[in-house]
Amino acid sequence: MITLNTFLAIGPMQIALVVAIVLLLFGGKKIPELMRGLGSGIKEFKDASKDDEVLEEKKKEE
């Protein structure tokens, strides 16, 4: 019986496999561009969630 903890465990072999697949799919030159896009997307998401919090606080004050 496989437990949930064992199933979701991420070890060095799984990380190496994912890195190898990404390198094969996108190539070494494309990866920095992908990471830049991912970083900017996360930043935009955080900014949008902060804006929502500010709007909610203003509505509560009124």
PDB file of N, CA and C in Angstrom:
ATOM      1  N   MET A   1       0.837  -1.180   0.000  1.00  0.00           N
ATOM      2  CA  MET A   1       0.000   0.000   0.000  1.00  0.00           C
ATOM      3  C   MET A   1       0.884   1.247   0.000  1.00  0.00           C
ATOM      4  N   ILE A   2       0.688   2.078  -0.979  1.00  0.00           N
ATOM      5  CA  ILE A   2       1.478   3.305  -1.087  1.00  0.00           C
ATOM      6  C   ILE A   2       0.742   4.415  -0.342  1.00  0.00           C
ATOM      7  N   THR A   3       1.436   5.041   0.577  1.00  0.00           N
ATOM      8  CA  THR A   3       0.816   6.145   1.306  1.00  0.00           C
ATOM      9  C   THR A   3       0.950   7.427   0.509  1.00  0.00           C
ATOM     10  N   LEU A   4       0.185   8.404   0.884  1.00  0.00           N
ATOM     11  CA  LEU A   4       0.198   9.692   0.188  1.00  0.00           C
ATOM     12  C   LEU A   4       1.547  10.372   0.336  1.00  0.00           C
ATOM     13  N   ASN A   5       2.181  10.263   1.497  1.00  0.00           N
ATOM     14  CA  ASN A   5       3.482  10.889   1.705  1.00  0.00           C
ATOM     15  C   ASN A   5       4.537  10.298   0.782  1.00  0.00           C
ATOM     16  N   THR A   6       4.523   9.016   0.588  1.00  0.00           N
ATOM     17  CA  THR A   6       5.490   8.366  -0.294  1.00  0.00           C
ATOM     18  C   THR A   6       5.225   8.740  -1.740  1.00  0.00           C
ATOM     19  N   PHE A   7       3.976   8.848  -2.100  1.00  0.00           N
ATOM     20  CA  PHE A   7       3.608   9.166  -3.472  1.00  0.00           C
ATOM     21  C   PHE A   7       4.019  10.588  -3.849  1.00  0.00           C
ATOM     22  N   LEU A   8       3.890  11.527  -2.921  1.00  0.00           N
ATOM     23  CA  LEU A   8       4.180  12.923  -3.210  1.00  0.00           C
ATOM     24  C   LEU A   8       5.617  13.330  -2.880  1.00  0.00           C
ATOM     25  N   ALA A   9       6.427  12.406  -2.416  1.00  0.00           N
ATOM     26  CA  ALA A   9       7.813  12.721  -2.055  1.00  0.00           C
ATOM     27  C   ALA A   9       8.611  13.073  -3.311  1.00  0.00           C
ATOM     28  N   ILE A  10       9.325  14.180  -3.243  1.00  0.00           N
ATOM     29  CA  ILE A  10      10.151  14.616  -4.363  1.00  0.00           C
ATOM     30  C   ILE A  10      11.601  14.510  -3.932  1.00  0.00           C
ATOM     31  N   GLY A  11      12.337  13.686  -4.630  1.00  0.00           N
ATOM     32  CA  GLY A  11      13.742  13.481  -4.313  1.00  0.00           C
ATOM     33  C   GLY A  11      14.634  14.029  -5.405  1.00  0.00           C
ATOM     34  N   PRO A  12      15.929  13.864  -5.237  1.00  0.00           N
ATOM     35  CA  PRO A  12      16.873  14.383  -6.222  1.00  0.00           C
ATOM     36  C   PRO A  12      16.727  13.731  -7.597  1.00  0.00           C
ATOM     37  N   MET A  13      16.334  12.481  -7.635  1.00  0.00           N
ATOM     38  CA  MET A  13      16.171  11.803  -8.920  1.00  0.00           C
ATOM     39  C   MET A  13      14.994  12.387  -9.704  1.00  0.00           C
ATOM     40  N   GLN A  14      13.904  12.685  -9.021  1.00  0.00           N
ATOM     41  CA  GLN A  14      12.748  13.274  -9.691  1.00  0.00           C
ATOM     42  C   GLN A  14      13.066  14.677 -10.194  1.00  0.00           C
ATOM     43  N   ILE A  15      13.804  15.448  -9.404  1.00  0.00           N
ATOM     44  CA  ILE A  15      14.181  16.802  -9.817  1.00  0.00           C
ATOM     45  C   ILE A  15      15.088  16.732 -11.043  1.00  0.00           C
ATOM     46  N   ALA A  16      16.049  15.819 -11.035  1.00  0.00           N
ATOM     47  CA  ALA A  16      16.951  15.655 -12.178  1.00  0.00           C
ATOM     48  C   ALA A  16      16.174  15.256 -13.429  1.00  0.00           C
ATOM     49  N   LEU A  17      15.188  14.409 -13.282  1.00  0.00           N
ATOM     50  CA  LEU A  17      14.369  13.987 -14.416  1.00  0.00           C
ATOM     51  C   LEU A  17      13.589  15.163 -14.998  1.00  0.00           C
ATOM     52  N   VAL A  18      13.002  15.973 -14.149  1.00  0.00           N
ATOM     53  CA  VAL A  18      12.253  17.141 -14.611  1.00  0.00           C
ATOM     54  C   VAL A  18      13.182  18.117 -15.320  1.00  0.00           C
ATOM     55  N   VAL A  19      14.361  18.369 -14.766  1.00  0.00           N
ATOM     56  CA  VAL A  19      15.333  19.276 -15.390  1.00  0.00           C
ATOM     57  C   VAL A  19      15.747  18.749 -16.760  1.00  0.00           C
ATOM     58  N   ALA A  20      15.985  17.460 -16.859  1.00  0.00           N
ATOM     59  CA  ALA A  20      16.378  16.863 -18.136  1.00  0.00           C
ATOM     60  C   ALA A  20      15.267  17.006 -19.172  1.00  0.00           C
ATOM     61  N   ILE A  21      14.043  16.790 -18.777  1.00  0.00           N
ATOM     62  CA  ILE A  21      12.911  16.918 -19.705  1.00  0.00           C
ATOM     63  C   ILE A  21      12.766  18.357 -20.174  1.00  0.00           C
ATOM     64  N   VAL A  22      12.897  19.309 -19.254  1.00  0.00           N
ATOM     65  CA  VAL A  22      12.795  20.728 -19.624  1.00  0.00           C
ATOM     66  C   VAL A  22      13.907  21.099 -20.599  1.00  0.00           C
ATOM     67  N   LEU A  23      15.120  20.632 -20.340  1.00  0.00           N
ATOM     68  CA  LEU A  23      16.233  20.921 -21.260  1.00  0.00           C
ATOM     69  C   LEU A  23      15.987  20.332 -22.639  1.00  0.00           C
ATOM     70  N   LEU A  24      15.444  19.137 -22.691  1.00  0.00           N
ATOM     71  CA  LEU A  24      15.164  18.510 -23.979  1.00  0.00           C
ATOM     72  C   LEU A  24      14.057  19.233 -24.737  1.00  0.00           C
ATOM     73  N   LEU A  25      13.043  19.677 -24.021  1.00  0.00           N
ATOM     74  CA  LEU A  25      11.911  20.329 -24.680  1.00  0.00           C
ATOM     75  C   LEU A  25      12.234  21.742 -25.154  1.00  0.00           C
ATOM     76  N   PHE A  26      12.922  22.520 -24.325  1.00  0.00           N
ATOM     77  CA  PHE A  26      13.092  23.937 -24.623  1.00  0.00           C
ATOM     78  C   PHE A  26      14.502  24.323 -25.037  1.00  0.00           C
ATOM     79  N   GLY A  27      15.500  23.553 -24.695  1.00  0.00           N
ATOM     80  CA  GLY A  27      16.873  23.900 -25.027  1.00  0.00           C
ATOM     81  C   GLY A  27      17.441  24.893 -24.023  1.00  0.00           C
ATOM     82  N   GLY A  28      18.754  24.986 -23.972  1.00  0.00           N
ATOM     83  CA  GLY A  28      19.421  25.820 -22.983  1.00  0.00           C
ATOM     84  C   GLY A  28      19.236  27.306 -23.189  1.00  0.00           C
ATOM     85  N   LYS A  29      19.050  27.745 -24.428  1.00  0.00           N
ATOM     86  CA  LYS A  29      18.938  29.189 -24.702  1.00  0.00           C
ATOM     87  C   LYS A  29      17.564  29.738 -24.338  1.00  0.00           C
ATOM     88  N   LYS A  30      16.565  28.917 -24.355  1.00  0.00           N
ATOM     89  CA  LYS A  30      15.191  29.368 -24.131  1.00  0.00           C
ATOM     90  C   LYS A  30      14.830  29.415 -22.642  1.00  0.00           C
ATOM     91  N   ILE A  31      15.533  28.671 -21.800  1.00  0.00           N
ATOM     92  CA  ILE A  31      15.185  28.552 -20.381  1.00  0.00           C
ATOM     93  C   ILE A  31      15.256  29.888 -19.634  1.00  0.00           C
ATOM     94  N   PRO A  32      16.309  30.714 -19.808  1.00  0.00           N
ATOM     95  CA  PRO A  32      16.321  32.004 -19.092  1.00  0.00           C
ATOM     96  C   PRO A  32      15.119  32.883 -19.436  1.00  0.00           C
ATOM     97  N   GLU A  33      14.706  32.860 -20.689  1.00  0.00           N
ATOM     98  CA  GLU A  33      13.533  33.636 -21.098  1.00  0.00           C
ATOM     99  C   GLU A  33      12.267  33.103 -20.420  1.00  0.00           C
ATOM    100  N   LEU A  34      12.146  31.787 -20.327  1.00  0.00           N
ATOM    101  CA  LEU A  34      10.989  31.188 -19.665  1.00  0.00           C
ATOM    102  C   LEU A  34      10.951  31.551 -18.183  1.00  0.00           C
ATOM    103  N   MET A  35      12.104  31.514 -17.528  1.00  0.00           N
ATOM    104  CA  MET A  35      12.173  31.843 -16.097  1.00  0.00           C
ATOM    105  C   MET A  35      11.862  33.322 -15.860  1.00  0.00           C
ATOM    106  N   ARG A  36      12.316  34.185 -16.761  1.00  0.00           N
ATOM    107  CA  ARG A  36      12.004  35.608 -16.659  1.00  0.00           C
ATOM    108  C   ARG A  36      10.492  35.831 -16.756  1.00  0.00           C
ATOM    109  N   GLY A  37       9.869  35.148 -17.695  1.00  0.00           N
ATOM    110  CA  GLY A  37       8.420  35.252 -17.858  1.00  0.00           C
ATOM    111  C   GLY A  37       7.671  34.724 -16.646  1.00  0.00           C
ATOM    112  N   LEU A  38       8.159  33.631 -16.086  1.00  0.00           N
ATOM    113  CA  LEU A  38       7.537  33.059 -14.890  1.00  0.00           C
ATOM    114  C   LEU A  38       7.664  34.027 -13.713  1.00  0.00           C
ATOM    115  N   GLY A  39       8.844  34.618 -13.554  1.00  0.00           N
ATOM    116  CA  GLY A  39       9.059  35.574 -12.469  1.00  0.00           C
ATOM    117  C   GLY A  39       8.182  36.804 -12.597  1.00  0.00           C
ATOM    118  N   SER A  40       8.057  37.332 -13.808  1.00  0.00           N
ATOM    119  CA  SER A  40       7.212  38.508 -13.990  1.00  0.00           C
ATOM    120  C   SER A  40       5.737  38.161 -13.777  1.00  0.00           C
ATOM    121  N   GLY A  41       5.337  36.966 -14.148  1.00  0.00           N
ATOM    122  CA  GLY A  41       3.955  36.542 -13.910  1.00  0.00           C
ATOM    123  C   GLY A  41       3.645  36.428 -12.432  1.00  0.00           C
ATOM    124  N   ILE A  42       4.575  35.898 -11.659  1.00  0.00           N
ATOM    125  CA  ILE A  42       4.385  35.790 -10.209  1.00  0.00           C
ATOM    126  C   ILE A  42       4.326  37.180  -9.588  1.00  0.00           C
ATOM    127  N   LYS A  43       5.194  38.076 -10.052  1.00  0.00           N
ATOM    128  CA  LYS A  43       5.203  39.447  -9.518  1.00  0.00           C
ATOM    129  C   LYS A  43       3.877  40.154  -9.809  1.00  0.00           C
ATOM    130  N   GLU A  44       3.361  40.014 -11.019  1.00  0.00           N
ATOM    131  CA  GLU A  44       2.081  40.623 -11.371  1.00  0.00           C
ATOM    132  C   GLU A  44       0.950  40.053 -10.524  1.00  0.00           C
ATOM    133  N   PHE A  45       0.984  38.758 -10.265  1.00  0.00           N
ATOM    134  CA  PHE A  45      -0.039  38.126  -9.444  1.00  0.00           C
ATOM    135  C   PHE A  45      -0.012  38.676  -8.024  1.00  0.00           C
ATOM    136  N   LYS A  46       1.190  38.822  -7.457  1.00  0.00           N
ATOM    137  CA  LYS A  46       1.318  39.371  -6.106  1.00  0.00           C
ATOM    138  C   LYS A  46       0.817  40.809  -6.051  1.00  0.00           C
ATOM    139  N   ASP A  47       1.189  41.611  -7.062  1.00  0.00           N
ATOM    140  CA  ASP A  47       0.734  43.001  -7.095  1.00  0.00           C
ATOM    141  C   ASP A  47      -0.784  43.081  -7.196  1.00  0.00           C
ATOM    142  N   ALA A  48      -1.374  42.232  -8.009  1.00  0.00           N
ATOM    143  CA  ALA A  48      -2.829  42.240  -8.164  1.00  0.00           C
ATOM    144  C   ALA A  48      -3.524  41.834  -6.867  1.00  0.00           C
ATOM    145  N   SER A  49      -2.965  40.857  -6.156  1.00  0.00           N
ATOM    146  CA  SER A  49      -3.586  40.438  -4.902  1.00  0.00           C
ATOM    147  C   SER A  49      -3.448  41.524  -3.843  1.00  0.00           C
ATOM    148  N   LYS A  50      -2.341  42.274  -3.858  1.00  0.00           N
ATOM    149  CA  LYS A  50      -2.186  43.393  -2.919  1.00  0.00           C
ATOM    150  C   LYS A  50      -3.192  44.487  -3.228  1.00  0.00           C
ATOM    151  N   ASP A  51      -3.422  44.764  -4.524  1.00  0.00           N
ATOM    152  CA  ASP A  51      -4.399  45.773  -4.915  1.00  0.00           C
ATOM    153  C   ASP A  51      -5.797  45.392  -4.439  1.00  0.00           C
ATOM    154  N   ASP A  52      -6.131  44.111  -4.529  1.00  0.00           N
ATOM    155  CA  ASP A  52      -7.435  43.649  -4.062  1.00  0.00           C
ATOM    156  C   ASP A  52      -7.581  43.852  -2.560  1.00  0.00           C
ATOM    157  N   GLU A  53      -6.513  43.601  -1.801  1.00  0.00           N
ATOM    158  CA  GLU A  53      -6.565  43.785  -0.351  1.00  0.00           C
ATOM    159  C   GLU A  53      -6.772  45.250  -0.002  1.00  0.00           C
ATOM    160  N   VAL A  54      -6.114  46.145  -0.726  1.00  0.00           N
ATOM    161  CA  VAL A  54      -6.257  47.584  -0.473  1.00  0.00           C
ATOM    162  C   VAL A  54      -7.681  48.022  -0.772  1.00  0.00           C
ATOM    163  N   LEU A  55      -8.267  47.526  -1.857  1.00  0.00           N
ATOM    164  CA  LEU A  55      -9.644  47.883  -2.200  1.00  0.00           C
ATOM    165  C   LEU A  55     -10.627  47.389  -1.140  1.00  0.00           C
ATOM    166  N   GLU A  56     -10.411  46.194  -0.622  1.00  0.00           N
ATOM    167  CA  GLU A  56     -11.291  45.651   0.413  1.00  0.00           C
ATOM    168  C   GLU A  56     -11.193  46.470   1.696  1.00  0.00           C
ATOM    169  N   GLU A  57      -9.981  46.909   2.044  1.00  0.00           N
ATOM    170  CA  GLU A  57      -9.807  47.714   3.249  1.00  0.00           C
ATOM    171  C   GLU A  57     -10.495  49.066   3.093  1.00  0.00           C
ATOM    172  N   LYS A  58     -10.442  49.674   1.924  1.00  0.00           N
ATOM    173  CA  LYS A  58     -11.122  50.944   1.676  1.00  0.00           C
ATOM    174  C   LYS A  58     -12.629  50.790   1.783  1.00  0.00           C
ATOM    175  N   LYS A  59     -13.166  49.681   1.279  1.00  0.00           N
ATOM    176  CA  LYS A  59     -14.604  49.448   1.353  1.00  0.00           C
ATOM    177  C   LYS A  59     -15.054  49.265   2.794  1.00  0.00           C
ATOM    178  N   LYS A  60     -14.214  48.633   3.619  1.00  0.00           N
ATOM    179  CA  LYS A  60     -14.565  48.429   5.028  1.00  0.00           C
ATOM    180  C   LYS A  60     -14.564  49.752   5.785  1.00  0.00           C
ATOM    181  N   GLU A  61     -13.691  50.680   5.404  1.00  0.00           N
ATOM    182  CA  GLU A  61     -13.605  51.974   6.082  1.00  0.00           C
ATOM    183  C   GLU A  61     -14.837  52.835   5.785  1.00  0.00           C
ATOM    184  N   GLU A  62     -15.434  52.655   4.633  1.00  0.00           N
ATOM    185  CA  GLU A  62     -16.576  53.487   4.253  1.00  0.00           C
ATOM    186  C   GLU A  62     -17.809  53.114   4.959  1.00  0.00           C
TER     187      GLU A  62
END
